[in-house]
């Protein structure tokens, strides 16, 4: 029987809900009823779009948040180096802007430079400006500003990009934190609409890199063909779960559990990802997104083993959160879940693994869209229920979060191309819809705390939490993908 681990401990109660399906998948695998299509890296960007980029026309860009983002393993290396490989040297001139202040900023830069933060090293080829030197950047007028700072900075940074840098376009990566501050959503919406209406201010867009994964882009492009023959949509599930070692990640415990920085707890940080995936699917399939979903239930769980590492003085924040809703005027159920330290059943056969997935459950089968992780390559799987029909798997070899796709889009847009406009609009609409639903969830908990109690368990002791199976996203990595990574475990 399939099992699930919670920080290394087994929880068969939850796993039983997934055992039958997983056994069927393994049986299909053993009978060889798998049709595999491998898609090589780089194929997710059409050649006609790459050819649109003018290598002689420079694009200027600023990046907020110097810490890990200008480091050797940070955002710029992942995206920029891959795009350079695809199309030659990209015509981007970068400036890094560190929004930390005083001694904290000085120590961060010193630590990274001295390689005290693991493999992080500052990129010596990129100039940067500290927050105390922002006047030096006044009137920089970059074509692009990318904001990758904590959620609490989002609105201020959008205004900073407009008023100080006088940028053309600002992109906020996951700008929908501050879920417990709905006023921020109103202001962000206004900034977005001002830009779309031609206001002479910095245009603002929201970005969620889960929508830029190789697998998700493929799914959206080929959705109708993939769904053909599976009947009506019954349920849509999505999850973002990650194991963590709180002892080694003390700083992340502080950041993610601090409402002043995060605008909430783990739900504010992680739930936007599965919700944006659901929103784009619903818009493509039903012409309306999360705004047409009625929130039915909220479940919050806290792993109390993190408490000794929490510096924020509050012990009422969740480390995992699940939302359940229903599309208005239909029977389609929507479930989104996230968590740190909790693994969705079937993820990697008793081995901690991150799960970033969308699953569409239909009358005659299901479609899995896996964004990928360190354990598995991204893939899209079409799994029919009918006996004898093959499971189709589209595997993105060595793929993942397509920062290169995002950078290609922003370069094209900065150079005047209209190619990426619809894609970027979908990103922003989905991000704002996700923020709105998370705000609803936190407001509901605050208004009715006895109806939505925080369930507390110490996972480190092996205590098995009660998880309401109705609120749990039914997402799990297909065993065929695990076979490729851990072949000996299926022989």
Foldseek 3Di string as FASTA:
>chain_A
DFWFAQLLFTFVVQQVVVVVVQVVLLVLVVVVQEAEAEDEPPVLDDPVLLVLFDQVDAFEEEEEAQQQQQWCPHLCVVAQVVLCVVRNHHRYAYEYEYADDDPVVVVRQVCQCVCVPPRTHGDPRHHYHYPVRLQVQFCVAGQEYEYDFFLLCLVVVQVCCWHGNVYQEYEYELNLFLLQCCVVLVVLVVQQVCVVVPNSTHHYFYFYLLCQFSLNSVCLVCVVVLCPPQAAFAEKEWEWEAEDDCVVPLVVQAQQCACSRGSAHVCSVTQLQRQLSQQSVCCSVPVGGLVQKAWDDKAFEAACQNVVSYPRPDDQGGQKMKTWIAGPPDNYIYIYIYGYSTDNIQAARSDGDTWGWMKTQGNFFIWIFTQDGPQFFTKIWTGGNDPPNGIYIYGHVVTHRNSNVVVSLSSCVSVPHPVCVVVRVSRRVSSSSSSNVSSVNVVVCVVCVVVHDHHYDNVVVSDHDDDDSVRDGNDYDRVVRSCVRVVVVSD
